[in-house]
C-alpha atoms as a PDB file:
ATOM      1  CA  MET A   1     102.938 143.083 112.279  1.00  0.00           C
ATOM      2  CA  LYS A   2     100.525 143.552 109.863  1.00  0.00           C
ATOM      3  CA  GLY A   3      99.635 147.070 111.480  1.00  0.00           C
ATOM      4  CA  VAL A   4     103.299 148.856 112.097  1.00  0.00           C
ATOM      5  CA  ASN A   5     103.303 147.924 108.633  1.00  0.00           C
ATOM      6  CA  ARG A   6     100.142 149.574 107.398  1.00  0.00           C
ATOM      7  CA  ASP A   7     102.046 152.325 109.588  1.00  0.00           C
ATOM      8  CA  MET A   8     104.753 152.298 108.104  1.00  0.00           C
ATOM      9  CA  LEU A   9     103.450 152.509 104.515  1.00  0.00           C
ATOM     10  CA  LYS A  10     101.085 155.934 105.265  1.00  0.00           C
ATOM     11  CA  CYS A  11     104.164 157.407 106.804  1.00  0.00           C
ATOM     12  CA  ARG A  12     106.029 156.506 103.400  1.00  0.00           C
ATOM     13  CA  SER A  13     102.889 158.091 101.438  1.00  0.00           C
ATOM     14  CA  TRP A  14     102.953 161.452 103.679  1.00  0.00           C
ATOM     15  CA  LEU A  15     106.798 161.824 103.050  1.00  0.00           C
ATOM     16  CA  SER A  16     106.712 161.258  99.041  1.00  0.00           C
ATOM     17  CA  LEU A  17     103.631 163.694  99.295  1.00  0.00           C
ATOM     18  CA  ILE A  18     105.827 166.447 101.244  1.00  0.00           C
ATOM     19  CA  ASN A  19     108.662 165.891  98.922  1.00  0.00           C
ATOM     20  CA  GLY A  20     106.498 166.751  95.434  1.00  0.00           C
ATOM     21  CA  ASP A  21     107.098 163.023  94.695  1.00  0.00           C
ATOM     22  CA  ILE A  22     103.478 162.646  93.686  1.00  0.00           C
ATOM     23  CA  GLU A  23     103.637 159.197  91.838  1.00  0.00           C
ATOM     24  CA  GLY A  24     105.485 157.285  94.866  1.00  0.00           C
ATOM     25  CA  ALA A  25     102.697 158.742  97.036  1.00  0.00           C
ATOM     26  CA  GLN A  26     100.903 157.112  95.014  1.00  0.00           C
ATOM     27  CA  GLU A  27     102.557 153.755  94.454  1.00  0.00           C
ATOM     28  CA  THR A  28     102.929 153.294  98.471  1.00  0.00           C
ATOM     29  CA  LEU A  29      98.670 154.080  98.848  1.00  0.00           C
ATOM     30  CA  LYS A  30      98.564 151.319  96.040  1.00  0.00           C
ATOM     31  CA  GLU A  31     100.534 149.016  98.565  1.00  0.00           C
ATOM     32  CA  LEU A  32      98.560 149.632 101.705  1.00  0.00           C
ATOM     33  CA  ALA A  33      95.537 149.206  99.834  1.00  0.00           C
ATOM     34  CA  LEU A  34      96.494 145.891  98.978  1.00  0.00           C
ATOM     35  CA  GLU A  35      97.603 145.269 102.502  1.00  0.00           C
ATOM     36  CA  ASP A  36      94.492 146.266 104.016  1.00  0.00           C
ATOM     37  CA  ALA A  37      91.297 146.016 101.952  1.00  0.00           C
ATOM     38  CA  ASN A  38      89.409 147.604 104.229  1.00  0.00           C
ATOM     39  CA  SER A  39      91.673 150.428 104.233  1.00  0.00           C
ATOM     40  CA  VAL A  40      89.141 153.344 102.713  1.00  0.00           C
ATOM     41  CA  ASP A  41      91.760 155.962 103.654  1.00  0.00           C
ATOM     42  CA  SER A  42      94.205 154.884 101.215  1.00  0.00           C
ATOM     43  CA  TYR A  43      91.690 154.273  98.655  1.00  0.00           C
ATOM     44  CA  PHE A  44      90.199 157.448  98.804  1.00  0.00           C
ATOM     45  CA  ALA A  45      93.721 159.547  99.069  1.00  0.00           C
ATOM     46  CA  ALA A  46      94.793 157.459  96.225  1.00  0.00           C
ATOM     47  CA  GLY A  47      91.765 158.212  93.858  1.00  0.00           C
ATOM     48  CA  VAL A  48      92.216 162.035  94.531  1.00  0.00           C
ATOM     49  CA  LEU A  49      96.174 161.750  93.647  1.00  0.00           C
ATOM     50  CA  MET A  50      95.072 160.265  90.096  1.00  0.00           C
ATOM     51  CA  ARG A  51      92.962 162.956  90.055  1.00  0.00           C
ATOM     52  CA  VAL A  52      95.403 165.640  90.845  1.00  0.00           C
ATOM     53  CA  ARG A  53      97.862 163.404  88.079  1.00  0.00           C
ATOM     54  CA  GLY A  54      95.303 163.671  85.173  1.00  0.00           C
ATOM     55  CA  ASP A  55      94.301 159.757  85.579  1.00  0.00           C
ATOM     56  CA  HIS A  56      90.587 161.356  86.099  1.00  0.00           C
ATOM     57  CA  ALA A  57      89.034 157.575  84.509  1.00  0.00           C
ATOM     58  CA  ARG A  58      91.022 155.594  86.992  1.00  0.00           C
ATOM     59  CA  ALA A  59      90.098 157.957  90.076  1.00  0.00           C
ATOM     60  CA  VAL A  60      86.662 158.019  89.285  1.00  0.00           C
ATOM     61  CA  HIS A  61      86.487 154.230  89.378  1.00  0.00           C
ATOM     62  CA  VAL A  62      88.245 154.355  92.924  1.00  0.00           C
ATOM     63  CA  HIS A  63      85.853 156.182  94.513  1.00  0.00           C
ATOM     64  CA  ASN A  64      83.337 154.640  92.787  1.00  0.00           C
ATOM     65  CA  SER A  65      84.306 151.961  94.157  1.00  0.00           C
ATOM     66  CA  ILE A  66      84.219 153.137  97.601  1.00  0.00           C
ATOM     67  CA  LEU A  67      80.908 154.294  97.577  1.00  0.00           C
ATOM     68  CA  GLU A  68      80.144 150.168  96.500  1.00  0.00           C
ATOM     69  CA  TRP A  69      81.602 149.112  99.940  1.00  0.00           C
ATOM     70  CA  GLU A  70      78.894 147.766 102.514  1.00  0.00           C
ATOM     71  CA  ASN A  71      78.568 149.818 105.776  1.00  0.00           C
ATOM     72  CA  LEU A  72      80.458 152.691 104.778  1.00  0.00           C
ATOM     73  CA  ASP A  73      79.590 155.421 107.308  1.00  0.00           C
ATOM     74  CA  ARG A  74      77.623 158.550 106.053  1.00  0.00           C
ATOM     75  CA  GLY A  75      79.799 161.254 106.767  1.00  0.00           C
ATOM     76  CA  LEU A  76      82.764 159.129 104.793  1.00  0.00           C
ATOM     77  CA  ALA A  77      80.414 158.545 101.878  1.00  0.00           C
ATOM     78  CA  ARG A  78      79.112 162.383 101.210  1.00  0.00           C
ATOM     79  CA  LEU A  79      83.244 163.408 101.529  1.00  0.00           C
ATOM     80  CA  VAL A  80      83.615 160.351  98.766  1.00  0.00           C
ATOM     81  CA  ALA A  81      80.897 161.060  96.609  1.00  0.00           C
ATOM     82  CA  LEU A  82      82.177 165.110  96.786  1.00  0.00           C
ATOM     83  CA  GLU A  83      85.454 163.738  95.576  1.00  0.00           C
ATOM     84  CA  LEU A  84      83.925 161.887  92.569  1.00  0.00           C
ATOM     85  CA  MET A  85      82.018 165.066  91.814  1.00  0.00           C
ATOM     86  CA  GLU A  86      85.469 166.549  91.385  1.00  0.00           C
ATOM     87  CA  ASP A  87      86.751 164.276  89.488  1.00  0.00           C
ATOM     88  CA  TYR A  88      84.190 164.356  86.703  1.00  0.00           C
ATOM     89  CA  TYR A  89      84.390 167.953  86.948  1.00  0.00           C
ATOM     90  CA  ALA A  90      88.903 167.943  86.439  1.00  0.00           C
ATOM     91  CA  ALA A  91      87.469 165.411  83.163  1.00  0.00           C
ATOM     92  CA  GLY A  92      84.776 167.964  82.043  1.00  0.00           C
ATOM     93  CA  ASP A  93      81.888 165.418  82.228  1.00  0.00           C
ATOM     94  CA  PHE A  94      79.731 168.291  83.768  1.00  0.00           C
ATOM     95  CA  LYS A  95      76.823 165.352  83.041  1.00  0.00           C
ATOM     96  CA  CYS A  96      77.937 163.199  85.282  1.00  0.00           C
ATOM     97  CA  VAL A  97      78.765 165.932  87.946  1.00  0.00           C
ATOM     98  CA  GLU A  98      75.294 166.642  87.951  1.00  0.00           C
ATOM     99  CA  ASP A  99      74.097 163.275  88.597  1.00  0.00           C
ATOM    100  CA  ASN A 100      76.149 162.727  91.650  1.00  0.00           C
ATOM    101  CA  TYR A 101      74.800 165.803  93.570  1.00  0.00           C
ATOM    102  CA  HIS A 102      72.844 163.811  95.566  1.00  0.00           C
ATOM    103  CA  ARG A 103      75.311 161.593  96.877  1.00  0.00           C
ATOM    104  CA  ALA A 104      77.213 164.433  98.240  1.00  0.00           C
ATOM    105  CA  GLU A 105      74.047 165.060 100.148  1.00  0.00           C
ATOM    106  CA  HIS A 106      73.947 168.921  99.090  1.00  0.00           C
ATOM    107  CA  THR A 107      76.954 170.629 100.150  1.00  0.00           C
ATOM    108  CA  GLU A 108      78.423 173.662 100.062  1.00  0.00           C
ATOM    109  CA  ARG A 109      81.187 172.774  97.328  1.00  0.00           C
ATOM    110  CA  ALA A 110      78.665 169.993  95.614  1.00  0.00           C
ATOM    111  CA  ALA A 111      76.238 172.515  95.122  1.00  0.00           C
ATOM    112  CA  TRP A 112      78.873 174.956  93.409  1.00  0.00           C
ATOM    113  CA  LEU A 113      80.308 171.694  91.594  1.00  0.00           C
ATOM    114  CA  ARG A 114      76.939 171.620  89.943  1.00  0.00           C
ATOM    115  CA  ALA A 115      76.372 175.113  89.567  1.00  0.00           C
ATOM    116  CA  SER A 116      79.213 175.400  87.759  1.00  0.00           C
ATOM    117  CA  ALA A 117      78.400 172.326  85.581  1.00  0.00           C
ATOM    118  CA  VAL A 118      75.256 173.526  84.451  1.00  0.00           C
ATOM    119  CA  GLU A 119      76.720 176.694  83.261  1.00  0.00           C
ATOM    120  CA  ASN A 120      79.435 174.714  81.147  1.00  0.00           C
ATOM    121  CA  GLN A 121      76.605 172.648  79.763  1.00  0.00           C
ATOM    122  CA  ALA A 122      75.461 176.643  78.777  1.00  0.00           C
ATOM    123  CA  ARG A 123      72.118 176.392  80.327  1.00  0.00           C
ATOM    124  CA  TYR A 124      72.417 179.549  81.975  1.00  0.00           C
ATOM    125  CA  GLU A 125      69.139 180.038  83.304  1.00  0.00           C
ATOM    126  CA  GLU A 126      69.508 177.559  85.287  1.00  0.00           C
ATOM    127  CA  ALA A 127      72.435 177.794  86.206  1.00  0.00           C
ATOM    128  CA  ALA A 128      71.885 181.861  87.283  1.00  0.00           C
ATOM    129  CA  LYS A 129      69.072 180.162  89.969  1.00  0.00           C
ATOM    130  CA  LEU A 130      71.437 177.635  91.301  1.00  0.00           C
ATOM    131  CA  TRP A 131      74.143 180.374  92.325  1.00  0.00           C
ATOM    132  CA  GLU A 132      70.802 182.692  93.362  1.00  0.00           C
ATOM    133  CA  LYS A 133      70.060 179.734  95.309  1.00  0.00           C
ATOM    134  CA  MET A 134      73.403 179.813  97.190  1.00  0.00           C
ATOM    135  CA  GLY A 135      73.934 183.073  98.520  1.00  0.00           C
ATOM    136  CA  GLY A 136      77.380 184.812  97.911  1.00  0.00           C
ATOM    137  CA  HIS A 137      77.492 184.195  94.454  1.00  0.00           C
ATOM    138  CA  GLY A 138      75.720 187.608  92.586  1.00  0.00           C
ATOM    139  CA  ALA A 139      78.834 187.824  90.166  1.00  0.00           C
ATOM    140  CA  ASP A 140      78.687 184.242  89.306  1.00  0.00           C
ATOM    141  CA  ALA A 141      74.410 184.551  88.503  1.00  0.00           C
ATOM    142  CA  ALA A 142      75.477 188.162  87.141  1.00  0.00           C
ATOM    143  CA  ARG A 143      77.265 186.067  84.426  1.00  0.00           C
ATOM    144  CA  CYS A 144      75.155 183.737  83.317  1.00  0.00           C
ATOM    145  CA  TRP A 145      71.863 186.409  83.207  1.00  0.00           C
ATOM    146  CA  LEU A 146      74.408 188.663  81.105  1.00  0.00           C
ATOM    147  CA  LYS A 147      75.555 185.685  78.662  1.00  0.00           C
ATOM    148  CA  LEU A 148      71.691 185.409  77.853  1.00  0.00           C
ATOM    149  CA  ALA A 149      71.496 188.896  77.535  1.00  0.00           C
ATOM    150  CA  LEU A 150      73.937 188.969  74.983  1.00  0.00           C
ATOM    151  CA  GLY A 151      72.634 185.631  73.368  1.00  0.00           C
ATOM    152  CA  ASN A 152      69.422 188.165  72.695  1.00  0.00           C
ATOM    153  CA  ARG A 153      71.388 191.592  71.988  1.00  0.00           C
ATOM    154  CA  GLY A 154      69.909 192.377  68.103  1.00  0.00           C
ATOM    155  CA  GLU A 155      67.060 189.672  68.015  1.00  0.00           C
ATOM    156  CA  ASN A 156      64.966 190.282  71.066  1.00  0.00           C
ATOM    157  CA  GLU A 157      65.967 193.407  73.191  1.00  0.00           C
ATOM    158  CA  ALA A 158      63.059 192.782  75.119  1.00  0.00           C
ATOM    159  CA  ASP A 159      64.107 189.786  76.564  1.00  0.00           C
ATOM    160  CA  MET A 160      68.503 191.446  76.156  1.00  0.00           C
ATOM    161  CA  VAL A 161      66.849 194.239  78.337  1.00  0.00           C
ATOM    162  CA  LYS A 162      65.095 191.331  80.748  1.00  0.00           C
ATOM    163  CA  PHE A 163      68.529 189.438  81.226  1.00  0.00           C
ATOM    164  CA  ALA A 164      70.090 192.716  81.522  1.00  0.00           C
ATOM    165  CA  ARG A 165      68.175 194.115  84.758  1.00  0.00           C
ATOM    166  CA  LYS A 166      68.256 190.430  86.299  1.00  0.00           C
ATOM    167  CA  ALA A 167      72.365 190.772  85.752  1.00  0.00           C
ATOM    168  CA  LEU A 168      72.168 193.646  87.992  1.00  0.00           C
ATOM    169  CA  LYS A 169      69.679 192.629  90.332  1.00  0.00           C
ATOM    170  CA  ALA A 170      72.006 189.859  90.951  1.00  0.00           C
ATOM    171  CA  ASP A 171      75.345 192.085  90.648  1.00  0.00           C
ATOM    172  CA  GLU A 172      74.603 195.878  90.537  1.00  0.00           C
ATOM    173  CA  ASN A 173      78.329 196.437  89.965  1.00  0.00           C
ATOM    174  CA  CYS A 174      78.222 194.223  86.492  1.00  0.00           C
ATOM    175  CA  THR A 175      79.416 196.670  83.880  1.00  0.00           C
ATOM    176  CA  GLU A 176      78.706 194.277  80.934  1.00  0.00           C
ATOM    177  CA  ALA A 177      75.232 194.656  81.757  1.00  0.00           C
ATOM    178  CA  ARG A 178      75.209 198.942  82.233  1.00  0.00           C
ATOM    179  CA  PHE A 179      76.762 198.908  78.538  1.00  0.00           C
ATOM    180  CA  GLU A 180      74.245 196.716  77.179  1.00  0.00           C
ATOM    181  CA  LEU A 181      71.230 198.650  78.869  1.00  0.00           C
ATOM    182  CA  ALA A 182      72.976 201.788  77.900  1.00  0.00           C
ATOM    183  CA  ARG A 183      73.163 200.567  74.162  1.00  0.00           C
ATOM    184  CA  HIS A 184      69.907 199.820  74.123  1.00  0.00           C
ATOM    185  CA  TYR A 185      68.236 203.114  75.157  1.00  0.00           C
ATOM    186  CA  LEU A 186      70.299 204.956  73.072  1.00  0.00           C
ATOM    187  CA  GLY A 187      69.749 202.576  70.185  1.00  0.00           C
ATOM    188  CA  ARG A 188      65.892 204.255  71.117  1.00  0.00           C
ATOM    189  CA  LYS A 189      66.495 207.434  71.231  1.00  0.00           C
ATOM    190  CA  LYS A 190      66.152 207.357  75.120  1.00  0.00           C
ATOM    191  CA  LYS A 191      69.054 209.543  75.503  1.00  0.00           C
ATOM    192  CA  GLN A 192      69.023 210.247  79.215  1.00  0.00           C
ATOM    193  CA  LYS A 193      68.618 206.675  80.141  1.00  0.00           C
ATOM    194  CA  ALA A 194      71.240 205.602  78.504  1.00  0.00           C
ATOM    195  CA  VAL A 195      73.559 208.458  79.876  1.00  0.00           C
ATOM    196  CA  ASP A 196      72.155 207.798  83.489  1.00  0.00           C
ATOM    197  CA  GLU A 197      73.240 203.835  82.854  1.00  0.00           C
ATOM    198  CA  ALA A 198      76.943 205.015  81.637  1.00  0.00           C
ATOM    199  CA  SER A 199      77.401 207.295  84.173  1.00  0.00           C
ATOM    200  CA  GLU A 200      77.061 204.440  86.965  1.00  0.00           C
ATOM    201  CA  ILE A 201      79.669 203.020  85.822  1.00  0.00           C
ATOM    202  CA  VAL A 202      81.696 206.081  85.674  1.00  0.00           C
ATOM    203  CA  ARG A 203      80.089 206.733  89.587  1.00  0.00           C
ATOM    204  CA  ARG A 204      80.960 203.085  90.906  1.00  0.00           C
ATOM    205  CA  ASP A 205      84.741 202.956  89.320  1.00  0.00           C
ATOM    206  CA  LEU A 206      83.757 200.041  87.231  1.00  0.00           C
ATOM    207  CA  VAL A 207      85.688 200.991  84.073  1.00  0.00           C
ATOM    208  CA  LYS A 208      87.996 197.830  83.149  1.00  0.00           C
ATOM    209  CA  SER A 209      89.957 199.584  80.103  1.00  0.00           C
ATOM    210  CA  TYR A 210      90.755 201.959  78.060  1.00  0.00           C
ATOM    211  CA  GLU A 211      88.632 200.892  75.937  1.00  0.00           C
ATOM    212  CA  ASP A 212      85.515 200.995  78.284  1.00  0.00           C
ATOM    213  CA  MET A 213      86.590 204.922  78.311  1.00  0.00           C
ATOM    214  CA  GLY A 214      86.002 204.963  74.904  1.00  0.00           C
ATOM    215  CA  LYS A 215      82.569 203.268  74.551  1.00  0.00           C
ATOM    216  CA  LEU A 216      81.263 205.409  77.286  1.00  0.00           C
ATOM    217  CA  GLU A 217      82.995 208.663  75.661  1.00  0.00           C
ATOM    218  CA  ALA A 218      80.755 207.631  72.365  1.00  0.00           C
ATOM    219  CA  PHE A 219      77.978 206.892  74.399  1.00  0.00           C
ATOM    220  CA  TYR A 220      77.956 210.846  75.791  1.00  0.00           C
ATOM    221  CA  TYR A 221      79.233 212.356  72.219  1.00  0.00           C
ATOM    222  CA  GLU A 222      75.795 210.528  70.552  1.00  0.00           C
ATOM    223  CA  ALA A 223      74.061 211.689  73.618  1.00  0.00           C
ATOM    224  CA  GLY A 224      75.640 215.265  73.305  1.00  0.00           C
ATOM    225  CA  GLU A 225      76.422 215.188  76.720  1.00  0.00           C
ATOM    226  CA  VAL A 226      80.283 214.538  76.190  1.00  0.00           C
ATOM    227  CA  ASP A 227      81.222 217.378  78.499  1.00  0.00           C
ATOM    228  CA  ALA A 228      78.878 215.743  81.259  1.00  0.00           C
ATOM    229  CA  LEU A 229      81.416 212.979  81.205  1.00  0.00           C
ATOM    230  CA  HIS A 230      84.529 215.129  81.384  1.00  0.00           C
ATOM    231  CA  LYS A 231      82.335 216.646  84.431  1.00  0.00           C
ATOM    232  CA  LEU A 232      81.696 213.349  86.010  1.00  0.00           C
ATOM    233  CA  VAL A 233      85.457 212.076  85.185  1.00  0.00           C
ATOM    234  CA  PHE A 234      87.008 215.129  87.374  1.00  0.00           C
ATOM    235  CA  SER A 235      84.539 214.625  89.962  1.00  0.00           C
ATOM    236  CA  ARG A 236      85.685 211.020  90.569  1.00  0.00           C
ATOM    237  CA  ILE A 237      89.228 211.873  90.210  1.00  0.00           C
ATOM    238  CA  ALA A 238      88.790 214.582  93.047  1.00  0.00           C
ATOM    239  CA  ALA A 239      87.501 212.215  95.323  1.00  0.00           C
ATOM    240  CA  LYS A 240      90.119 209.879  94.654  1.00  0.00           C
ATOM    241  CA  SER A 241      88.977 207.454  93.167  1.00  0.00           C
ATOM    242  CA  SER A 242      91.396 203.865  92.667  1.00  0.00           C
ATOM    243  CA  ASN A 243      90.343 203.314  89.239  1.00  0.00           C
ATOM    244  CA  GLN A 244      93.659 203.894  86.696  1.00  0.00           C
ATOM    245  CA  TRP A 245      91.483 204.107  83.600  1.00  0.00           C
ATOM    246  CA  ILE A 246      89.863 207.469  84.564  1.00  0.00           C
ATOM    247  CA  TYR A 247      93.198 209.062  85.673  1.00  0.00           C
ATOM    248  CA  VAL A 248      94.438 207.598  82.088  1.00  0.00           C
ATOM    249  CA  TYR A 249      91.343 209.167  80.332  1.00  0.00           C
ATOM    250  CA  ALA A 250      91.741 212.300  81.893  1.00  0.00           C
ATOM    251  CA  ALA A 251      95.559 212.953  80.995  1.00  0.00           C
ATOM    252  CA  GLY A 252      94.705 211.664  77.342  1.00  0.00           C
ATOM    253  CA  HIS A 253      91.839 214.647  77.470  1.00  0.00           C
ATOM    254  CA  PHE A 254      93.849 217.328  78.532  1.00  0.00           C
ATOM    255  CA  LEU A 255      96.773 215.654  76.005  1.00  0.00           C
ATOM    256  CA  LYS A 256      94.516 216.759  73.393  1.00  0.00           C
ATOM    257  CA  LYS A 257      94.383 219.974  74.424  1.00  0.00           C
ATOM    258  CA  GLU A 258      98.082 220.667  74.300  1.00  0.00           C
ATOM    259  CA  ASN A 259      98.000 220.882  78.010  1.00  0.00           C
ATOM    260  CA  ARG A 260     100.857 218.245  78.754  1.00  0.00           C
ATOM    261  CA  ASP A 261     101.887 219.670  82.768  1.00  0.00           C
ATOM    262  CA  LYS A 262      98.202 219.191  83.284  1.00  0.00           C
ATOM    263  CA  SER A 263      98.125 215.589  81.960  1.00  0.00           C
ATOM    264  CA  ILE A 264     101.581 215.059  84.430  1.00  0.00           C
ATOM    265  CA  GLU A 265      99.948 216.271  86.894  1.00  0.00           C
ATOM    266  CA  ILE A 266      96.902 214.069  87.056  1.00  0.00           C
ATOM    267  CA  LEU A 267      99.310 210.566  86.504  1.00  0.00           C
ATOM    268  CA  ASP A 268     101.059 212.262  89.426  1.00  0.00           C
ATOM    269  CA  TYR A 269      98.373 212.488  91.656  1.00  0.00           C
ATOM    270  CA  TYR A 270      97.201 208.896  91.066  1.00  0.00           C
ATOM    271  CA  MET A 271     101.010 207.515  91.586  1.00  0.00           C
ATOM    272  CA  LYS A 272     101.024 209.257  95.076  1.00  0.00           C
ATOM    273  CA  ASN A 273      97.512 208.454  96.147  1.00  0.00           C
ATOM    274  CA  HIS A 274      97.339 205.065  94.386  1.00  0.00           C
ATOM    275  CA  GLY A 275     100.337 203.311  93.806  1.00  0.00           C
ATOM    276  CA  TYR A 276     102.278 202.187  90.320  1.00  0.00           C
ATOM    277  CA  ASP A 277      99.665 200.838  88.094  1.00  0.00           C
ATOM    278  CA  THR A 278     101.269 199.690  84.523  1.00  0.00           C
ATOM    279  CA  ALA A 279      98.517 201.769  82.465  1.00  0.00           C
ATOM    280  CA  VAL A 280      99.733 204.391  84.526  1.00  0.00           C
ATOM    281  CA  VAL A 281     103.060 204.238  84.249  1.00  0.00           C
ATOM    282  CA  ARG A 282     103.028 203.820  80.230  1.00  0.00           C
ATOM    283  CA  THR A 283     100.902 206.633  79.763  1.00  0.00           C
ATOM    284  CA  TYR A 284     103.000 208.957  81.797  1.00  0.00           C
ATOM    285  CA  ALA A 285     106.217 207.516  79.803  1.00  0.00           C
ATOM    286  CA  GLU A 286     104.920 207.945  76.518  1.00  0.00           C
ATOM    287  CA  ILE A 287     104.085 211.705  77.696  1.00  0.00           C
ATOM    288  CA  ILE A 288     107.187 212.570  79.275  1.00  0.00           C
ATOM    289  CA  GLU A 289     109.153 210.882  76.352  1.00  0.00           C
ATOM    290  CA  GLU A 290     111.615 208.823  79.117  1.00  0.00           C
ATOM    291  CA  PRO A 291     113.610 206.507  76.937  1.00  0.00           C
ATOM    292  CA  VAL A 292     114.584 204.288  79.898  1.00  0.00           C
ATOM    293  CA  LEU A 293     110.339 203.624  80.720  1.00  0.00           C
ATOM    294  CA  LEU A 294     109.623 203.698  77.224  1.00  0.00           C
ATOM    295  CA  ASP A 295     111.905 200.560  76.745  1.00  0.00           C
ATOM    296  CA  VAL A 296     110.406 198.550  79.273  1.00  0.00           C
ATOM    297  CA  PHE A 297     107.099 198.804  77.434  1.00  0.00           C
ATOM    298  CA  SER A 298     108.032 198.278  74.165  1.00  0.00           C
ATOM    299  CA  HIS A 299     107.078 195.080  74.245  1.00  0.00           C
ATOM    300  CA  ASP A 300     102.680 194.666  74.062  1.00  0.00           C
ATOM    301  CA  LEU A 301     101.575 194.126  77.697  1.00  0.00           C
ATOM    302  CA  TYR A 302      97.568 192.497  78.500  1.00  0.00           C
ATOM    303  CA  ARG A 303      95.577 192.754  81.123  1.00  0.00           C
ATOM    304  CA  CYS A 304      92.785 190.421  81.825  1.00  0.00           C
ATOM    305  CA  ARG A 305      89.721 192.145  82.784  1.00  0.00           C
ATOM    306  CA  GLU A 306      87.872 189.484  84.919  1.00  0.00           C
ATOM    307  CA  CYS A 307      90.860 188.448  86.968  1.00  0.00           C
ATOM    308  CA  GLY A 308      93.689 191.082  86.513  1.00  0.00           C
ATOM    309  CA  GLU A 309      96.661 188.883  85.663  1.00  0.00           C
ATOM    310  CA  ARG A 310      99.154 190.322  83.490  1.00  0.00           C
ATOM    311  CA  PHE A 311     100.317 188.967  80.518  1.00  0.00           C
ATOM    312  CA  ASN A 312     103.100 189.265  77.839  1.00  0.00           C
ATOM    313  CA  GLU A 313     101.248 187.886  75.026  1.00  0.00           C
ATOM    314  CA  ASP A 314      97.544 187.854  74.064  1.00  0.00           C
ATOM    315  CA  HIS A 315      95.641 185.178  74.366  1.00  0.00           C
ATOM    316  CA  GLU A 316      92.012 183.927  73.667  1.00  0.00           C
ATOM    317  CA  LEU A 317      91.496 182.427  76.408  1.00  0.00           C
ATOM    318  CA  CYS A 318      92.859 183.619  80.121  1.00  0.00           C
ATOM    319  CA  PRO A 319      95.539 181.250  81.264  1.00  0.00           C
ATOM    320  CA  GLY A 320      94.788 182.748  84.866  1.00  0.00           C
ATOM    321  CA  CYS A 321      90.933 182.691  85.047  1.00  0.00           C
ATOM    322  CA  GLY A 322      89.785 180.610  81.715  1.00  0.00           C
ATOM    323  CA  GLY A 323      87.915 183.695  80.822  1.00  0.00           C
ATOM    324  CA  ARG A 324      87.238 183.900  77.187  1.00  0.00           C
ATOM    325  CA  ASP A 325      87.920 187.665  75.217  1.00  0.00           C
ATOM    326  CA  THR A 326      88.892 189.125  78.056  1.00  0.00           C
ATOM    327  CA  LEU A 327      92.619 190.407  77.446  1.00  0.00           C
ATOM    328  CA  ARG A 328      92.572 193.858  76.741  1.00  0.00           C
ATOM    329  CA  LYS A 329      96.043 195.971  75.462  1.00  0.00           C
ATOM    330  CA  LEU A 330      97.312 197.661  78.456  1.00  0.00           C
END
């Protein structure tokens, strides 16, 4: 009877999960654990559900208690230790995430949690090296090197350059690192080097906002090479670049020259080849002064330059990815 009752309780817990009743599933798993003190899977699942519900302290207690059981299978112990790391990470206890890394026996997910925990403690150089060691996390490593570069901006430009180059070595498409190097070279009157770095941002389609195009124009203007920027932008359009900001910039360029038809032609070209991007359609609506479209865009729209999610309101922290000050008005 005991075995039958245990199976029925397991079925009830899974049915609760299927129906989205996390609280009911948790209660059933508690009952199952009382029915069979050696039912590790029930304790394990109960701990995970506690974390999902935000009860991090109890989740930690449950998973820690499993690891204290005698004769626990090594593979299961590694899995439980990984869940314990997840518990601590969800609770924001990044030091404990690190402390339990060895118990998860260096699994890939454990390595991710450790690197992220180290980064969340602002130990950026250590975190960058951990990301690089894992492989396949160049953008994560570049983000850490970039934070070190920005931290040295204006105070120790030599270190700023060193870390910006490390960011580009980790991820050659790190836009912000190229901007920092261009700024550095321009400030030291090394105009050609500044232009070279700025040009790579356009050539690699790394522009993430209209503000980026404005910064690029400022670099080229100060270097006396604005015409070179225009030629580069037009060459990218001719190559059917899919970067919408290049087209928006080009349309604005011709609009300043009072060549409305050319502006419309460029935006039409983008929409025909790449679809209806919000920034392109909004610029198009403003140029042709289409009232229905203008009404659609009467409210400010924002897009995160990191994850690409769009929002109707500005946020200091992106609701999508958690990035700080990454939302830009479209």
